[in-house]
Amino acid sequence: MGSGLVFVFYQVYVRVWAAPVRQADGSLILWLGGAANRNQDVFEQRFRKIAQEIESEVKVATGSGVPAQVPSPAGP
């Protein structure tokens, strides 16, 4: 029981997801989202780093110099 309580109170749950969405004009954008149950400041820094890495990979893959719109985890 003691080890179960330690696990429950010290386990950090982090979820990050990406969803491709087709807009009305036919273009494809990538929505990123995430959630963490603890230490949201560190999670936000990690999320921004992940978003920047994805953005740079998309630029290289598409060959476009147009920056992608990546929303902040806190909202617009």
PDB file of N, CA and C in Angstrom:
ATOM      1  N   MET A   1       0.825  -1.185   0.000  1.00  0.00           N
ATOM      2  CA  MET A   1       0.000   0.000   0.000  1.00  0.00           C
ATOM      3  C   MET A   1       0.875   1.257   0.000  1.00  0.00           C
ATOM      4  N   GLY A   2       1.936   1.211   0.766  1.00  0.00           N
ATOM      5  CA  GLY A   2       2.842   2.361   0.829  1.00  0.00           C
ATOM      6  C   GLY A   2       3.485   2.659  -0.513  1.00  0.00           C
ATOM      7  N   SER A   3       3.929   1.610  -1.205  1.00  0.00           N
ATOM      8  CA  SER A   3       4.551   1.835  -2.510  1.00  0.00           C
ATOM      9  C   SER A   3       3.519   2.343  -3.531  1.00  0.00           C
ATOM     10  N   GLY A   4       2.281   1.908  -3.397  1.00  0.00           N
ATOM     11  CA  GLY A   4       1.217   2.400  -4.275  1.00  0.00           C
ATOM     12  C   GLY A   4       0.975   3.880  -4.070  1.00  0.00           C
ATOM     13  N   LEU A   5       0.979   4.333  -2.830  1.00  0.00           N
ATOM     14  CA  LEU A   5       0.800   5.761  -2.543  1.00  0.00           C
ATOM     15  C   LEU A   5       1.965   6.583  -3.080  1.00  0.00           C
ATOM     16  N   VAL A   6       3.168   6.072  -2.905  1.00  0.00           N
ATOM     17  CA  VAL A   6       4.333   6.782  -3.437  1.00  0.00           C
ATOM     18  C   VAL A   6       4.210   6.904  -4.947  1.00  0.00           C
ATOM     19  N   PHE A   7       3.840   5.836  -5.614  1.00  0.00           N
ATOM     20  CA  PHE A   7       3.680   5.851  -7.062  1.00  0.00           C
ATOM     21  C   PHE A   7       2.633   6.867  -7.499  1.00  0.00           C
ATOM     22  N   VAL A   8       1.497   6.890  -6.831  1.00  0.00           N
ATOM     23  CA  VAL A   8       0.398   7.785  -7.203  1.00  0.00           C
ATOM     24  C   VAL A   8       0.783   9.245  -7.026  1.00  0.00           C
ATOM     25  N   PHE A   9       1.470   9.569  -5.947  1.00  0.00           N
ATOM     26  CA  PHE A   9       1.767  10.970  -5.666  1.00  0.00           C
ATOM     27  C   PHE A   9       3.008  11.492  -6.381  1.00  0.00           C
ATOM     28  N   TYR A  10       3.910  10.635  -6.829  1.00  0.00           N
ATOM     29  CA  TYR A  10       5.130  11.099  -7.472  1.00  0.00           C
ATOM     30  C   TYR A  10       5.198  10.809  -8.965  1.00  0.00           C
ATOM     31  N   GLN A  11       4.254  10.084  -9.495  1.00  0.00           N
ATOM     32  CA  GLN A  11       4.225   9.788 -10.924  1.00  0.00           C
ATOM     33  C   GLN A  11       3.767  11.028 -11.687  1.00  0.00           C
ATOM     34  N   VAL A  12       4.497  11.376 -12.738  1.00  0.00           N
ATOM     35  CA  VAL A  12       4.139  12.518 -13.575  1.00  0.00           C
ATOM     36  C   VAL A  12       3.563  11.988 -14.884  1.00  0.00           C
ATOM     37  N   TYR A  13       2.395  12.457 -15.234  1.00  0.00           N
ATOM     38  CA  TYR A  13       1.742  12.053 -16.473  1.00  0.00           C
ATOM     39  C   TYR A  13       1.868  13.176 -17.491  1.00  0.00           C
ATOM     40  N   VAL A  14       2.426  12.855 -18.634  1.00  0.00           N
ATOM     41  CA  VAL A  14       2.608  13.825 -19.712  1.00  0.00           C
ATOM     42  C   VAL A  14       2.042  13.215 -20.983  1.00  0.00           C
ATOM     43  N   ARG A  15       1.236  13.992 -21.692  1.00  0.00           N
ATOM     44  CA  ARG A  15       0.686  13.556 -22.977  1.00  0.00           C
ATOM     45  C   ARG A  15       0.959  14.632 -24.018  1.00  0.00           C
ATOM     46  N   VAL A  16       1.425  14.218 -25.173  1.00  0.00           N
ATOM     47  CA  VAL A  16       1.627  15.126 -26.300  1.00  0.00           C
ATOM     48  C   VAL A  16       1.005  14.459 -27.510  1.00  0.00           C
ATOM     49  N   TRP A  17       0.265  15.218 -28.287  1.00  0.00           N
ATOM     50  CA  TRP A  17      -0.353  14.650 -29.472  1.00  0.00           C
ATOM     51  C   TRP A  17      -0.273  15.640 -30.629  1.00  0.00           C
ATOM     52  N   ALA A  18      -0.367  15.101 -31.822  1.00  0.00           N
ATOM     53  CA  ALA A  18      -0.370  15.901 -33.047  1.00  0.00           C
ATOM     54  C   ALA A  18      -1.483  15.377 -33.951  1.00  0.00           C
ATOM     55  N   ALA A  19      -2.192  16.302 -34.579  1.00  0.00           N
ATOM     56  CA  ALA A  19      -3.293  15.910 -35.461  1.00  0.00           C
ATOM     57  C   ALA A  19      -3.237  16.737 -36.747  1.00  0.00           C
ATOM     58  N   PRO A  20      -3.104  16.078 -37.899  1.00  0.00           N
ATOM     59  CA  PRO A  20      -3.166  16.820 -39.162  1.00  0.00           C
ATOM     60  C   PRO A  20      -4.621  17.199 -39.462  1.00  0.00           C
ATOM     61  N   VAL A  21      -4.811  18.455 -39.847  1.00  0.00           N
ATOM     62  CA  VAL A  21      -6.164  18.962 -40.109  1.00  0.00           C
ATOM     63  C   VAL A  21      -6.169  19.656 -41.469  1.00  0.00           C
ATOM     64  N   ARG A  22      -7.123  19.290 -42.303  1.00  0.00           N
ATOM     65  CA  ARG A  22      -7.262  19.928 -43.611  1.00  0.00           C
ATOM     66  C   ARG A  22      -8.191  21.129 -43.471  1.00  0.00           C
ATOM     67  N   GLN A  23      -7.706  22.286 -43.941  1.00  0.00           N
ATOM     68  CA  GLN A  23      -8.490  23.513 -43.870  1.00  0.00           C
ATOM     69  C   GLN A  23      -9.444  23.602 -45.052  1.00  0.00           C
ATOM     70  N   ALA A  24     -10.305  24.607 -45.021  1.00  0.00           N
ATOM     71  CA  ALA A  24     -11.309  24.769 -46.075  1.00  0.00           C
ATOM     72  C   ALA A  24     -10.674  25.003 -47.446  1.00  0.00           C
ATOM     73  N   ASP A  25      -9.499  25.637 -47.477  1.00  0.00           N
ATOM     74  CA  ASP A  25      -8.842  25.899 -48.757  1.00  0.00           C
ATOM     75  C   ASP A  25      -8.031  24.708 -49.258  1.00  0.00           C
ATOM     76  N   GLY A  26      -8.050  23.607 -48.538  1.00  0.00           N
ATOM     77  CA  GLY A  26      -7.365  22.395 -48.960  1.00  0.00           C
ATOM     78  C   GLY A  26      -5.975  22.223 -48.389  1.00  0.00           C
ATOM     79  N   SER A  27      -5.454  23.260 -47.722  1.00  0.00           N
ATOM     80  CA  SER A  27      -4.116  23.143 -47.149  1.00  0.00           C
ATOM     81  C   SER A  27      -4.173  22.297 -45.872  1.00  0.00           C
ATOM     82  N   LEU A  28      -3.049  21.735 -45.536  1.00  0.00           N
ATOM     83  CA  LEU A  28      -2.961  20.846 -44.384  1.00  0.00           C
ATOM     84  C   LEU A  28      -2.141  21.532 -43.300  1.00  0.00           C
ATOM     85  N   ILE A  29      -2.669  21.570 -42.080  1.00  0.00           N
ATOM     86  CA  ILE A  29      -1.928  22.122 -40.953  1.00  0.00           C
ATOM     87  C   ILE A  29      -1.823  21.044 -39.874  1.00  0.00           C
ATOM     88  N   LEU A  30      -0.879  21.220 -38.977  1.00  0.00           N
ATOM     89  CA  LEU A  30      -0.664  20.261 -37.909  1.00  0.00           C
ATOM     90  C   LEU A  30      -0.990  20.927 -36.591  1.00  0.00           C
ATOM     91  N   TRP A  31      -1.954  20.378 -35.885  1.00  0.00           N
ATOM     92  CA  TRP A  31      -2.304  20.871 -34.558  1.00  0.00           C
ATOM     93  C   TRP A  31      -1.519  20.069 -33.538  1.00  0.00           C
ATOM     94  N   LEU A  32      -0.889  20.776 -32.612  1.00  0.00           N
ATOM     95  CA  LEU A  32      -0.153  20.131 -31.533  1.00  0.00           C
ATOM     96  C   LEU A  32      -0.845  20.434 -30.217  1.00  0.00           C
ATOM     97  N   GLY A  33      -0.837  19.475 -29.328  1.00  0.00           N
ATOM     98  CA  GLY A  33      -1.426  19.678 -28.019  1.00  0.00           C
ATOM     99  C   GLY A  33      -0.686  18.853 -26.990  1.00  0.00           C
ATOM    100  N   GLY A  34      -0.926  19.166 -25.741  1.00  0.00           N
ATOM    101  CA  GLY A  34      -0.273  18.405 -24.692  1.00  0.00           C
ATOM    102  C   GLY A  34      -0.857  18.736 -23.339  1.00  0.00           C
ATOM    103  N   ALA A  35      -0.559  17.891 -22.388  1.00  0.00           N
ATOM    104  CA  ALA A  35      -1.035  18.086 -21.021  1.00  0.00           C
ATOM    105  C   ALA A  35      -0.073  17.410 -20.062  1.00  0.00           C
ATOM    106  N   ALA A  36       0.038  17.981 -18.887  1.00  0.00           N
ATOM    107  CA  ALA A  36       0.858  17.398 -17.825  1.00  0.00           C
ATOM    108  C   ALA A  36       0.142  17.641 -16.501  1.00  0.00           C
ATOM    109  N   ASN A  37       0.251  16.686 -15.584  1.00  0.00           N
ATOM    110  CA  ASN A  37      -0.443  16.853 -14.317  1.00  0.00           C
ATOM    111  C   ASN A  37       0.403  17.604 -13.286  1.00  0.00           C
ATOM    112  N   ARG A  38       1.700  17.717 -13.510  1.00  0.00           N
ATOM    113  CA  ARG A  38       2.572  18.440 -12.583  1.00  0.00           C
ATOM    114  C   ARG A  38       3.624  19.203 -13.377  1.00  0.00           C
ATOM    115  N   ASN A  39       4.177  20.216 -12.733  1.00  0.00           N
ATOM    116  CA  ASN A  39       5.316  20.960 -13.269  1.00  0.00           C
ATOM    117  C   ASN A  39       5.027  21.495 -14.675  1.00  0.00           C
ATOM    118  N   GLN A  40       3.967  22.271 -14.792  1.00  0.00           N
ATOM    119  CA  GLN A  40       3.545  22.786 -16.094  1.00  0.00           C
ATOM    120  C   GLN A  40       4.572  23.722 -16.737  1.00  0.00           C
ATOM    121  N   ASP A  41       5.374  24.433 -15.933  1.00  0.00           N
ATOM    122  CA  ASP A  41       6.374  25.339 -16.505  1.00  0.00           C
ATOM    123  C   ASP A  41       7.431  24.574 -17.301  1.00  0.00           C
ATOM    124  N   VAL A  42       7.936  23.498 -16.730  1.00  0.00           N
ATOM    125  CA  VAL A  42       8.926  22.682 -17.436  1.00  0.00           C
ATOM    126  C   VAL A  42       8.282  22.012 -18.648  1.00  0.00           C
ATOM    127  N   PHE A  43       7.038  21.562 -18.488  1.00  0.00           N
ATOM    128  CA  PHE A  43       6.338  20.952 -19.611  1.00  0.00           C
ATOM    129  C   PHE A  43       6.186  21.949 -20.753  1.00  0.00           C
ATOM    130  N   GLU A  44       5.850  23.188 -20.441  1.00  0.00           N
ATOM    131  CA  GLU A  44       5.683  24.192 -21.492  1.00  0.00           C
ATOM    132  C   GLU A  44       6.990  24.416 -22.240  1.00  0.00           C
ATOM    133  N   GLN A  45       8.111  24.456 -21.532  1.00  0.00           N
ATOM    134  CA  GLN A  45       9.413  24.607 -22.189  1.00  0.00           C
ATOM    135  C   GLN A  45       9.699  23.423 -23.103  1.00  0.00           C
ATOM    136  N   ARG A  46       9.443  22.214 -22.634  1.00  0.00           N
ATOM    137  CA  ARG A  46       9.672  21.018 -23.449  1.00  0.00           C
ATOM    138  C   ARG A  46       8.748  20.995 -24.658  1.00  0.00           C
ATOM    139  N   PHE A  47       7.482  21.397 -24.445  1.00  0.00           N
ATOM    140  CA  PHE A  47       6.514  21.416 -25.536  1.00  0.00           C
ATOM    141  C   PHE A  47       6.944  22.397 -26.622  1.00  0.00           C
ATOM    142  N   ARG A  48       7.398  23.575 -26.209  1.00  0.00           N
ATOM    143  CA  ARG A  48       7.861  24.569 -27.185  1.00  0.00           C
ATOM    144  C   ARG A  48       9.064  24.042 -27.970  1.00  0.00           C
ATOM    145  N   LYS A  49       9.966  23.344 -27.292  1.00  0.00           N
ATOM    146  CA  LYS A  49      11.127  22.775 -27.976  1.00  0.00           C
ATOM    147  C   LYS A  49      10.687  21.724 -29.004  1.00  0.00           C
ATOM    148  N   ILE A  50       9.743  20.874 -28.615  1.00  0.00           N
ATOM    149  CA  ILE A  50       9.209  19.863 -29.535  1.00  0.00           C
ATOM    150  C   ILE A  50       8.555  20.546 -30.732  1.00  0.00           C
ATOM    151  N   ALA A  51       7.763  21.595 -30.480  1.00  0.00           N
ATOM    152  CA  ALA A  51       7.085  22.313 -31.562  1.00  0.00           C
ATOM    153  C   ALA A  51       8.094  22.953 -32.506  1.00  0.00           C
ATOM    154  N   GLN A  52       9.169  23.522 -31.971  1.00  0.00           N
ATOM    155  CA  GLN A  52      10.203  24.127 -32.817  1.00  0.00           C
ATOM    156  C   GLN A  52      10.910  23.073 -33.660  1.00  0.00           C
ATOM    157  N   GLU A  53      11.182  21.908 -33.077  1.00  0.00           N
ATOM    158  CA  GLU A  53      11.834  20.838 -33.823  1.00  0.00           C
ATOM    159  C   GLU A  53      10.936  20.336 -34.958  1.00  0.00           C
ATOM    160  N   ILE A  54       9.650  20.194 -34.672  1.00  0.00           N
ATOM    161  CA  ILE A  54       8.705  19.761 -35.708  1.00  0.00           C
ATOM    162  C   ILE A  54       8.622  20.809 -36.807  1.00  0.00           C
ATOM    163  N   GLU A  55       8.564  22.076 -36.416  1.00  0.00           N
ATOM    164  CA  GLU A  55       8.484  23.159 -37.394  1.00  0.00           C
ATOM    165  C   GLU A  55       9.717  23.165 -38.299  1.00  0.00           C
ATOM    166  N   SER A  56      10.900  22.989 -37.730  1.00  0.00           N
ATOM    167  CA  SER A  56      12.108  22.987 -38.551  1.00  0.00           C
ATOM    168  C   SER A  56      12.148  21.764 -39.475  1.00  0.00           C
ATOM    169  N   GLU A  57      11.667  20.619 -39.013  1.00  0.00           N
ATOM    170  CA  GLU A  57      11.617  19.426 -39.860  1.00  0.00           C
ATOM    171  C   GLU A  57      10.628  19.605 -41.004  1.00  0.00           C
ATOM    172  N   VAL A  58       9.508  20.246 -40.735  1.00  0.00           N
ATOM    173  CA  VAL A  58       8.511  20.478 -41.783  1.00  0.00           C
ATOM    174  C   VAL A  58       9.072  21.429 -42.832  1.00  0.00           C
ATOM    175  N   LYS A  59       9.807  22.453 -42.392  1.00  0.00           N
ATOM    176  CA  LYS A  59      10.414  23.390 -43.344  1.00  0.00           C
ATOM    177  C   LYS A  59      11.404  22.681 -44.243  1.00  0.00           C
ATOM    178  N   VAL A  60      12.222  21.798 -43.663  1.00  0.00           N
ATOM    179  CA  VAL A  60      13.216  21.064 -44.445  1.00  0.00           C
ATOM    180  C   VAL A  60      12.522  20.105 -45.409  1.00  0.00           C
ATOM    181  N   ALA A  61      11.494  19.409 -44.927  1.00  0.00           N
ATOM    182  CA  ALA A  61      10.804  18.411 -45.753  1.00  0.00           C
ATOM    183  C   ALA A  61      10.060  19.056 -46.919  1.00  0.00           C
ATOM    184  N   THR A  62       9.436  20.206 -46.683  1.00  0.00           N
ATOM    185  CA  THR A  62       8.664  20.855 -47.743  1.00  0.00           C
ATOM    186  C   THR A  62       9.514  21.783 -48.581  1.00  0.00           C
ATOM    187  N   GLY A  63      10.650  22.205 -48.045  1.00  0.00           N
ATOM    188  CA  GLY A  63      11.519  23.115 -48.781  1.00  0.00           C
ATOM    189  C   GLY A  63      10.996  24.533 -48.812  1.00  0.00           C
ATOM    190  N   SER A  64       9.973  24.828 -48.021  1.00  0.00           N
ATOM    191  CA  SER A  64       9.423  26.185 -48.019  1.00  0.00           C
ATOM    192  C   SER A  64      10.058  26.988 -46.898  1.00  0.00           C
ATOM    193  N   GLY A  65      10.216  28.253 -47.146  1.00  0.00           N
ATOM    194  CA  GLY A  65      10.735  29.146 -46.116  1.00  0.00           C
ATOM    195  C   GLY A  65       9.621  29.781 -45.315  1.00  0.00           C
ATOM    196  N   VAL A  66       8.395  29.365 -45.563  1.00  0.00           N
ATOM    197  CA  VAL A  66       7.247  29.941 -44.876  1.00  0.00           C
ATOM    198  C   VAL A  66       7.133  29.305 -43.496  1.00  0.00           C
ATOM    199  N   PRO A  67       7.198  30.110 -42.435  1.00  0.00           N
ATOM    200  CA  PRO A  67       7.095  29.513 -41.099  1.00  0.00           C
ATOM    201  C   PRO A  67       5.701  28.975 -40.828  1.00  0.00           C
ATOM    202  N   ALA A  68       5.650  27.857 -40.154  1.00  0.00           N
ATOM    203  CA  ALA A  68       4.362  27.249 -39.804  1.00  0.00           C
ATOM    204  C   ALA A  68       3.796  27.940 -38.579  1.00  0.00           C
ATOM    205  N   GLN A  69       2.504  27.990 -38.485  1.00  0.00           N
ATOM    206  CA  GLN A  69       1.837  28.561 -37.329  1.00  0.00           C
ATOM    207  C   GLN A  69       1.733  27.496 -36.248  1.00  0.00           C
ATOM    208  N   VAL A  70       2.429  27.688 -35.131  1.00  0.00           N
ATOM    209  CA  VAL A  70       2.382  26.727 -34.031  1.00  0.00           C
ATOM    210  C   VAL A  70       1.814  27.450 -32.830  1.00  0.00           C
ATOM    211  N   PRO A  71       0.596  27.077 -32.400  1.00  0.00           N
ATOM    212  CA  PRO A  71      -0.015  27.773 -31.271  1.00  0.00           C
ATOM    213  C   PRO A  71       0.686  27.433 -29.969  1.00  0.00           C
ATOM    214  N   SER A  72       0.597  28.349 -29.039  1.00  0.00           N
ATOM    215  CA  SER A  72       1.170  28.138 -27.719  1.00  0.00           C
ATOM    216  C   SER A  72       0.320  27.166 -26.931  1.00  0.00           C
ATOM    217  N   PRO A  73       0.896  26.397 -26.004  1.00  0.00           N
ATOM    218  CA  PRO A  73       0.103  25.457 -25.225  1.00  0.00           C
ATOM    219  C   PRO A  73      -0.882  26.166 -24.303  1.00  0.00           C
ATOM    220  N   ALA A  74      -0.608  27.433 -23.997  1.00  0.00           N
ATOM    221  CA  ALA A  74      -1.494  28.192 -23.126  1.00  0.00           C
ATOM    222  C   ALA A  74      -2.650  28.816 -23.894  1.00  0.00           C
ATOM    223  N   GLY A  75      -2.612  28.741 -25.200  1.00  0.00           N
ATOM    224  CA  GLY A  75      -3.669  29.322 -26.021  1.00  0.00           C
ATOM    225  C   GLY A  75      -3.133  30.445 -26.871  1.00  0.00           C
ATOM    226  N   PRO A  76      -3.982  31.092 -27.685  1.00  0.00           N
ATOM    227  CA  PRO A  76      -3.526  32.160 -28.582  1.00  0.00           C
ATOM    228  C   PRO A  76      -3.080  33.396 -27.879  1.00  0.00           C
TER     229      PRO A  76
END
